[in-house]
Amino acid sequence: MNQGRIRSVKNTQQITKAMKMVSAAKLRRAQDRLVSARPYSRQAAGDPGAPGRGRAFLAPLPEARPRHRRR
């Protein structure tokens, strides 16, 4: 019975570790998106330190990604 409990705890630890890795990757991706959106949000808010200072902000818009159909 002890061996079964040890195995169960180890499996739970492995699942927990995998879940932490997934959440860390999602957080990193979200932070990258926030950083890349700063110039757009600054321009929208009228920040004088934003790129373009006083002239029209003509940054290229993000490209549309192709849609993938789920099966």
PDB file of N, CA and C in Angstrom:
ATOM      1  N   MET A   1       0.815  -1.195   0.000  1.00  0.00           N
ATOM      2  CA  MET A   1       0.000   0.000   0.000  1.00  0.00           C
ATOM      3  C   MET A   1       0.858   1.259   0.000  1.00  0.00           C
ATOM      4  N   ASN A   2       1.970   1.239   0.697  1.00  0.00           N
ATOM      5  CA  ASN A   2       2.841   2.410   0.712  1.00  0.00           C
ATOM      6  C   ASN A   2       3.413   2.701  -0.666  1.00  0.00           C
ATOM      7  N   GLN A   3       3.753   1.641  -1.403  1.00  0.00           N
ATOM      8  CA  GLN A   3       4.315   1.837  -2.744  1.00  0.00           C
ATOM      9  C   GLN A   3       3.300   2.523  -3.655  1.00  0.00           C
ATOM     10  N   GLY A   4       2.051   2.135  -3.532  1.00  0.00           N
ATOM     11  CA  GLY A   4       1.004   2.756  -4.346  1.00  0.00           C
ATOM     12  C   GLY A   4       0.841   4.227  -4.021  1.00  0.00           C
ATOM     13  N   ARG A   5       0.919   4.547  -2.749  1.00  0.00           N
ATOM     14  CA  ARG A   5       0.791   5.949  -2.342  1.00  0.00           C
ATOM     15  C   ARG A   5       1.991   6.760  -2.831  1.00  0.00           C
ATOM     16  N   ILE A   6       3.181   6.202  -2.728  1.00  0.00           N
ATOM     17  CA  ILE A   6       4.390   6.887  -3.202  1.00  0.00           C
ATOM     18  C   ILE A   6       4.282   7.149  -4.700  1.00  0.00           C
ATOM     19  N   ARG A   7       3.853   6.144  -5.447  1.00  0.00           N
ATOM     20  CA  ARG A   7       3.698   6.295  -6.894  1.00  0.00           C
ATOM     21  C   ARG A   7       2.657   7.374  -7.210  1.00  0.00           C
ATOM     22  N   SER A   8       1.571   7.360  -6.459  1.00  0.00           N
ATOM     23  CA  SER A   8       0.503   8.339  -6.670  1.00  0.00           C
ATOM     24  C   SER A   8       1.006   9.759  -6.417  1.00  0.00           C
ATOM     25  N   VAL A   9       1.755   9.941  -5.351  1.00  0.00           N
ATOM     26  CA  VAL A   9       2.291  11.271  -5.024  1.00  0.00           C
ATOM     27  C   VAL A   9       3.275  11.722  -6.097  1.00  0.00           C
ATOM     28  N   LYS A  10       4.121  10.815  -6.563  1.00  0.00           N
ATOM     29  CA  LYS A  10       5.087  11.175  -7.611  1.00  0.00           C
ATOM     30  C   LYS A  10       4.376  11.574  -8.898  1.00  0.00           C
ATOM     31  N   ASN A  11       3.320  10.840  -9.253  1.00  0.00           N
ATOM     32  CA  ASN A  11       2.556  11.194 -10.449  1.00  0.00           C
ATOM     33  C   ASN A  11       1.915  12.565 -10.303  1.00  0.00           C
ATOM     34  N   THR A  12       1.379  12.839  -9.121  1.00  0.00           N
ATOM     35  CA  THR A  12       0.766  14.145  -8.869  1.00  0.00           C
ATOM     36  C   THR A  12       1.812  15.251  -8.970  1.00  0.00           C
ATOM     37  N   GLN A  13       3.006  15.008  -8.435  1.00  0.00           N
ATOM     38  CA  GLN A  13       4.081  15.999  -8.519  1.00  0.00           C
ATOM     39  C   GLN A  13       4.471  16.259  -9.971  1.00  0.00           C
ATOM     40  N   GLN A  14       4.517  15.217 -10.769  1.00  0.00           N
ATOM     41  CA  GLN A  14       4.877  15.365 -12.176  1.00  0.00           C
ATOM     42  C   GLN A  14       3.825  16.193 -12.916  1.00  0.00           C
ATOM     43  N   ILE A  15       2.560  15.929 -12.645  1.00  0.00           N
ATOM     44  CA  ILE A  15       1.479  16.686 -13.283  1.00  0.00           C
ATOM     45  C   ILE A  15       1.541  18.147 -12.856  1.00  0.00           C
ATOM     46  N   THR A  16       1.778  18.382 -11.555  1.00  0.00           N
ATOM     47  CA  THR A  16       1.860  19.747 -11.042  1.00  0.00           C
ATOM     48  C   THR A  16       3.012  20.499 -11.694  1.00  0.00           C
ATOM     49  N   LYS A  17       4.150  19.838 -11.851  1.00  0.00           N
ATOM     50  CA  LYS A  17       5.307  20.474 -12.484  1.00  0.00           C
ATOM     51  C   LYS A  17       4.991  20.850 -13.928  1.00  0.00           C
ATOM     52  N   ALA A  18       4.323  19.960 -14.647  1.00  0.00           N
ATOM     53  CA  ALA A  18       3.951  20.242 -16.038  1.00  0.00           C
ATOM     54  C   ALA A  18       2.985  21.418 -16.106  1.00  0.00           C
ATOM     55  N   MET A  19       2.037  21.473 -15.182  1.00  0.00           N
ATOM     56  CA  MET A  19       1.079  22.579 -15.171  1.00  0.00           C
ATOM     57  C   MET A  19       1.780  23.907 -14.888  1.00  0.00           C
ATOM     58  N   LYS A  20       2.767  23.902 -13.998  1.00  0.00           N
ATOM     59  CA  LYS A  20       3.529  25.120 -13.701  1.00  0.00           C
ATOM     60  C   LYS A  20       4.299  25.582 -14.933  1.00  0.00           C
ATOM     61  N   MET A  21       4.865  24.636 -15.676  1.00  0.00           N
ATOM     62  CA  MET A  21       5.610  24.988 -16.882  1.00  0.00           C
ATOM     63  C   MET A  21       4.689  25.605 -17.927  1.00  0.00           C
ATOM     64  N   VAL A  22       3.496  25.053 -18.080  1.00  0.00           N
ATOM     65  CA  VAL A  22       2.529  25.590 -19.038  1.00  0.00           C
ATOM     66  C   VAL A  22       2.124  26.996 -18.635  1.00  0.00           C
ATOM     67  N   SER A  23       1.840  27.201 -17.350  1.00  0.00           N
ATOM     68  CA  SER A  23       1.416  28.528 -16.907  1.00  0.00           C
ATOM     69  C   SER A  23       2.548  29.540 -17.040  1.00  0.00           C
ATOM     70  N   ALA A  24       3.789  29.130 -16.822  1.00  0.00           N
ATOM     71  CA  ALA A  24       4.924  30.037 -16.990  1.00  0.00           C
ATOM     72  C   ALA A  24       5.071  30.444 -18.455  1.00  0.00           C
ATOM     73  N   ALA A  25       4.867  29.506 -19.357  1.00  0.00           N
ATOM     74  CA  ALA A  25       4.953  29.822 -20.787  1.00  0.00           C
ATOM     75  C   ALA A  25       3.841  30.780 -21.195  1.00  0.00           C
ATOM     76  N   LYS A  26       2.633  30.571 -20.678  1.00  0.00           N
ATOM     77  CA  LYS A  26       1.519  31.472 -20.987  1.00  0.00           C
ATOM     78  C   LYS A  26       1.784  32.867 -20.443  1.00  0.00           C
ATOM     79  N   LEU A  27       2.329  32.951 -19.239  1.00  0.00           N
ATOM     80  CA  LEU A  27       2.641  34.248 -18.647  1.00  0.00           C
ATOM     81  C   LEU A  27       3.693  34.971 -19.471  1.00  0.00           C
ATOM     82  N   ARG A  28       4.724  34.253 -19.879  1.00  0.00           N
ATOM     83  CA  ARG A  28       5.789  34.854 -20.684  1.00  0.00           C
ATOM     84  C   ARG A  28       5.229  35.379 -22.003  1.00  0.00           C
ATOM     85  N   ARG A  29       4.349  34.609 -22.635  1.00  0.00           N
ATOM     86  CA  ARG A  29       3.735  35.033 -23.894  1.00  0.00           C
ATOM     87  C   ARG A  29       2.872  36.282 -23.690  1.00  0.00           C
ATOM     88  N   ALA A  30       2.126  36.324 -22.598  1.00  0.00           N
ATOM     89  CA  ALA A  30       1.282  37.485 -22.304  1.00  0.00           C
ATOM     90  C   ALA A  30       2.136  38.722 -22.048  1.00  0.00           C
ATOM     91  N   GLN A  31       3.252  38.558 -21.347  1.00  0.00           N
ATOM     92  CA  GLN A  31       4.142  39.687 -21.087  1.00  0.00           C
ATOM     93  C   GLN A  31       4.753  40.200 -22.387  1.00  0.00           C
ATOM     94  N   ASP A  32       5.127  39.305 -23.273  1.00  0.00           N
ATOM     95  CA  ASP A  32       5.676  39.717 -24.567  1.00  0.00           C
ATOM     96  C   ASP A  32       4.653  40.516 -25.361  1.00  0.00           C
ATOM     97  N   ARG A  33       3.390  40.084 -25.324  1.00  0.00           N
ATOM     98  CA  ARG A  33       2.338  40.820 -26.035  1.00  0.00           C
ATOM     99  C   ARG A  33       2.138  42.206 -25.433  1.00  0.00           C
ATOM    100  N   LEU A  34       2.216  42.308 -24.111  1.00  0.00           N
ATOM    101  CA  LEU A  34       2.067  43.614 -23.466  1.00  0.00           C
ATOM    102  C   LEU A  34       3.186  44.563 -23.880  1.00  0.00           C
ATOM    103  N   VAL A  35       4.410  44.070 -23.875  1.00  0.00           N
ATOM    104  CA  VAL A  35       5.550  44.910 -24.242  1.00  0.00           C
ATOM    105  C   VAL A  35       5.438  45.360 -25.695  1.00  0.00           C
ATOM    106  N   SER A  36       5.021  44.466 -26.578  1.00  0.00           N
ATOM    107  CA  SER A  36       4.929  44.833 -27.992  1.00  0.00           C
ATOM    108  C   SER A  36       3.766  45.783 -28.256  1.00  0.00           C
ATOM    109  N   ALA A  37       2.787  45.847 -27.363  1.00  0.00           N
ATOM    110  CA  ALA A  37       1.633  46.733 -27.558  1.00  0.00           C
ATOM    111  C   ALA A  37       1.863  48.126 -26.978  1.00  0.00           C
ATOM    112  N   ARG A  38       2.939  48.335 -26.242  1.00  0.00           N
ATOM    113  CA  ARG A  38       3.170  49.631 -25.599  1.00  0.00           C
ATOM    114  C   ARG A  38       3.186  50.811 -26.562  1.00  0.00           C
ATOM    115  N   PRO A  39       3.896  50.740 -27.686  1.00  0.00           N
ATOM    116  CA  PRO A  39       3.892  51.907 -28.582  1.00  0.00           C
ATOM    117  C   PRO A  39       2.488  52.281 -29.045  1.00  0.00           C
ATOM    118  N   TYR A  40       1.655  51.288 -29.304  1.00  0.00           N
ATOM    119  CA  TYR A  40       0.294  51.560 -29.758  1.00  0.00           C
ATOM    120  C   TYR A  40      -0.524  52.201 -28.641  1.00  0.00           C
ATOM    121  N   SER A  41      -0.393  51.674 -27.426  1.00  0.00           N
ATOM    122  CA  SER A  41      -1.183  52.222 -26.323  1.00  0.00           C
ATOM    123  C   SER A  41      -0.708  53.619 -25.953  1.00  0.00           C
ATOM    124  N   ARG A  42       0.604  53.867 -26.033  1.00  0.00           N
ATOM    125  CA  ARG A  42       1.110  55.215 -25.739  1.00  0.00           C
ATOM    126  C   ARG A  42       0.582  56.217 -26.751  1.00  0.00           C
ATOM    127  N   GLN A  43       0.597  55.841 -28.014  1.00  0.00           N
ATOM    128  CA  GLN A  43       0.102  56.744 -29.052  1.00  0.00           C
ATOM    129  C   GLN A  43      -1.389  56.996 -28.855  1.00  0.00           C
ATOM    130  N   ALA A  44      -2.127  55.969 -28.512  1.00  0.00           N
ATOM    131  CA  ALA A  44      -3.566  56.119 -28.307  1.00  0.00           C
ATOM    132  C   ALA A  44      -3.852  57.009 -27.104  1.00  0.00           C
ATOM    133  N   ALA A  45      -2.987  56.961 -26.090  1.00  0.00           N
ATOM    134  CA  ALA A  45      -3.180  57.767 -24.886  1.00  0.00           C
ATOM    135  C   ALA A  45      -2.628  59.177 -25.054  1.00  0.00           C
ATOM    136  N   GLY A  46      -1.916  59.438 -26.142  1.00  0.00           N
ATOM    137  CA  GLY A  46      -1.355  60.768 -26.373  1.00  0.00           C
ATOM    138  C   GLY A  46      -0.086  61.033 -25.588  1.00  0.00           C
ATOM    139  N   ASP A  47       0.682  60.013 -25.293  1.00  0.00           N
ATOM    140  CA  ASP A  47       1.933  60.157 -24.550  1.00  0.00           C
ATOM    141  C   ASP A  47       2.957  60.886 -25.411  1.00  0.00           C
ATOM    142  N   PRO A  48       3.526  62.011 -24.915  1.00  0.00           N
ATOM    143  CA  PRO A  48       4.517  62.740 -25.711  1.00  0.00           C
ATOM    144  C   PRO A  48       5.815  61.963 -25.908  1.00  0.00           C
ATOM    145  N   GLY A  49       6.066  60.955 -25.088  1.00  0.00           N
ATOM    146  CA  GLY A  49       7.278  60.153 -25.234  1.00  0.00           C
ATOM    147  C   GLY A  49       7.113  59.018 -26.220  1.00  0.00           C
ATOM    148  N   ALA A  50       5.954  58.936 -26.812  1.00  0.00           N
ATOM    149  CA  ALA A  50       5.690  57.853 -27.761  1.00  0.00           C
ATOM    150  C   ALA A  50       6.430  58.106 -29.065  1.00  0.00           C
ATOM    151  N   PRO A  51       6.731  57.058 -29.806  1.00  0.00           N
ATOM    152  CA  PRO A  51       7.398  57.242 -31.093  1.00  0.00           C
ATOM    153  C   PRO A  51       6.574  58.128 -32.015  1.00  0.00           C
ATOM    154  N   GLY A  52       7.229  59.002 -32.720  1.00  0.00           N
ATOM    155  CA  GLY A  52       6.530  59.854 -33.672  1.00  0.00           C
ATOM    156  C   GLY A  52       6.352  61.269 -33.167  1.00  0.00           C
ATOM    157  N   ARG A  53       6.443  61.511 -31.894  1.00  0.00           N
ATOM    158  CA  ARG A  53       6.311  62.818 -31.248  1.00  0.00           C
ATOM    159  C   ARG A  53       5.769  63.929 -32.143  1.00  0.00           C
ATOM    160  N   GLY A  54       4.496  64.120 -32.118  1.00  0.00           N
ATOM    161  CA  GLY A  54       3.904  65.243 -32.820  1.00  0.00           C
ATOM    162  C   GLY A  54       3.494  64.946 -34.249  1.00  0.00           C
ATOM    163  N   ARG A  55       4.063  63.947 -34.858  1.00  0.00           N
ATOM    164  CA  ARG A  55       3.643  63.632 -36.227  1.00  0.00           C
ATOM    165  C   ARG A  55       2.797  62.357 -36.191  1.00  0.00           C
ATOM    166  N   ALA A  56       2.156  62.078 -37.260  1.00  0.00           N
ATOM    167  CA  ALA A  56       1.264  60.916 -37.306  1.00  0.00           C
ATOM    168  C   ALA A  56       2.051  59.634 -37.054  1.00  0.00           C
ATOM    169  N   PHE A  57       1.496  58.779 -36.275  1.00  0.00           N
ATOM    170  CA  PHE A  57       2.131  57.504 -35.941  1.00  0.00           C
ATOM    171  C   PHE A  57       1.693  56.477 -36.973  1.00  0.00           C
ATOM    172  N   LEU A  58       2.583  56.125 -37.878  1.00  0.00           N
ATOM    173  CA  LEU A  58       2.242  55.224 -38.977  1.00  0.00           C
ATOM    174  C   LEU A  58       3.008  53.907 -38.865  1.00  0.00           C
ATOM    175  N   ALA A  59       2.835  53.246 -37.741  1.00  0.00           N
ATOM    176  CA  ALA A  59       3.501  51.955 -37.567  1.00  0.00           C
ATOM    177  C   ALA A  59       2.735  50.894 -38.348  1.00  0.00           C
ATOM    178  N   PRO A  60       3.431  49.899 -38.860  1.00  0.00           N
ATOM    179  CA  PRO A  60       2.724  48.834 -39.586  1.00  0.00           C
ATOM    180  C   PRO A  60       1.822  48.064 -38.627  1.00  0.00           C
ATOM    181  N   LEU A  61       0.641  47.771 -39.088  1.00  0.00           N
ATOM    182  CA  LEU A  61      -0.280  47.000 -38.264  1.00  0.00           C
ATOM    183  C   LEU A  61       0.147  45.541 -38.269  1.00  0.00           C
ATOM    184  N   PRO A  62      -0.153  44.841 -37.208  1.00  0.00           N
ATOM    185  CA  PRO A  62       0.194  43.412 -37.183  1.00  0.00           C
ATOM    186  C   PRO A  62      -0.487  42.676 -38.338  1.00  0.00           C
ATOM    187  N   GLU A  63       0.219  41.720 -38.884  1.00  0.00           N
ATOM    188  CA  GLU A  63      -0.326  40.961 -40.008  1.00  0.00           C
ATOM    189  C   GLU A  63      -1.351  39.944 -39.516  1.00  0.00           C
ATOM    190  N   ALA A  64      -2.364  39.716 -40.325  1.00  0.00           N
ATOM    191  CA  ALA A  64      -3.376  38.721 -39.975  1.00  0.00           C
ATOM    192  C   ALA A  64      -2.777  37.327 -40.120  1.00  0.00           C
ATOM    193  N   ARG A  65      -3.056  36.484 -39.163  1.00  0.00           N
ATOM    194  CA  ARG A  65      -2.551  35.119 -39.209  1.00  0.00           C
ATOM    195  C   ARG A  65      -3.535  34.246 -39.959  1.00  0.00           C
ATOM    196  N   PRO A  66      -3.041  33.250 -40.683  1.00  0.00           N
ATOM    197  CA  PRO A  66      -3.961  32.347 -41.386  1.00  0.00           C
ATOM    198  C   PRO A  66      -4.758  31.532 -40.372  1.00  0.00           C
ATOM    199  N   ARG A  67      -6.014  31.295 -40.689  1.00  0.00           N
ATOM    200  CA  ARG A  67      -6.861  30.517 -39.792  1.00  0.00           C
ATOM    201  C   ARG A  67      -6.655  29.033 -40.054  1.00  0.00           C
ATOM    202  N   HIS A  68      -6.555  28.284 -38.992  1.00  0.00           N
ATOM    203  CA  HIS A  68      -6.415  26.836 -39.103  1.00  0.00           C
ATOM    204  C   HIS A  68      -7.715  26.200 -38.635  1.00  0.00           C
ATOM    205  N   ARG A  69      -8.227  25.311 -39.441  1.00  0.00           N
ATOM    206  CA  ARG A  69      -9.461  24.628 -39.068  1.00  0.00           C
ATOM    207  C   ARG A  69      -9.149  23.491 -38.115  1.00  0.00           C
ATOM    208  N   ARG A  70      -9.946  23.395 -37.091  1.00  0.00           N
ATOM    209  CA  ARG A  70      -9.798  22.278 -36.153  1.00  0.00           C
ATOM    210  C   ARG A  70     -10.550  21.078 -36.692  1.00  0.00           C
ATOM    211  N   ARG A  71      -9.998  19.937 -36.494  1.00  0.00           N
ATOM    212  CA  ARG A  71     -10.636  18.713 -36.983  1.00  0.00           C
ATOM    213  C   ARG A  71     -11.424  18.052 -35.898  1.00  0.00           C
TER     214      ARG A  71
END
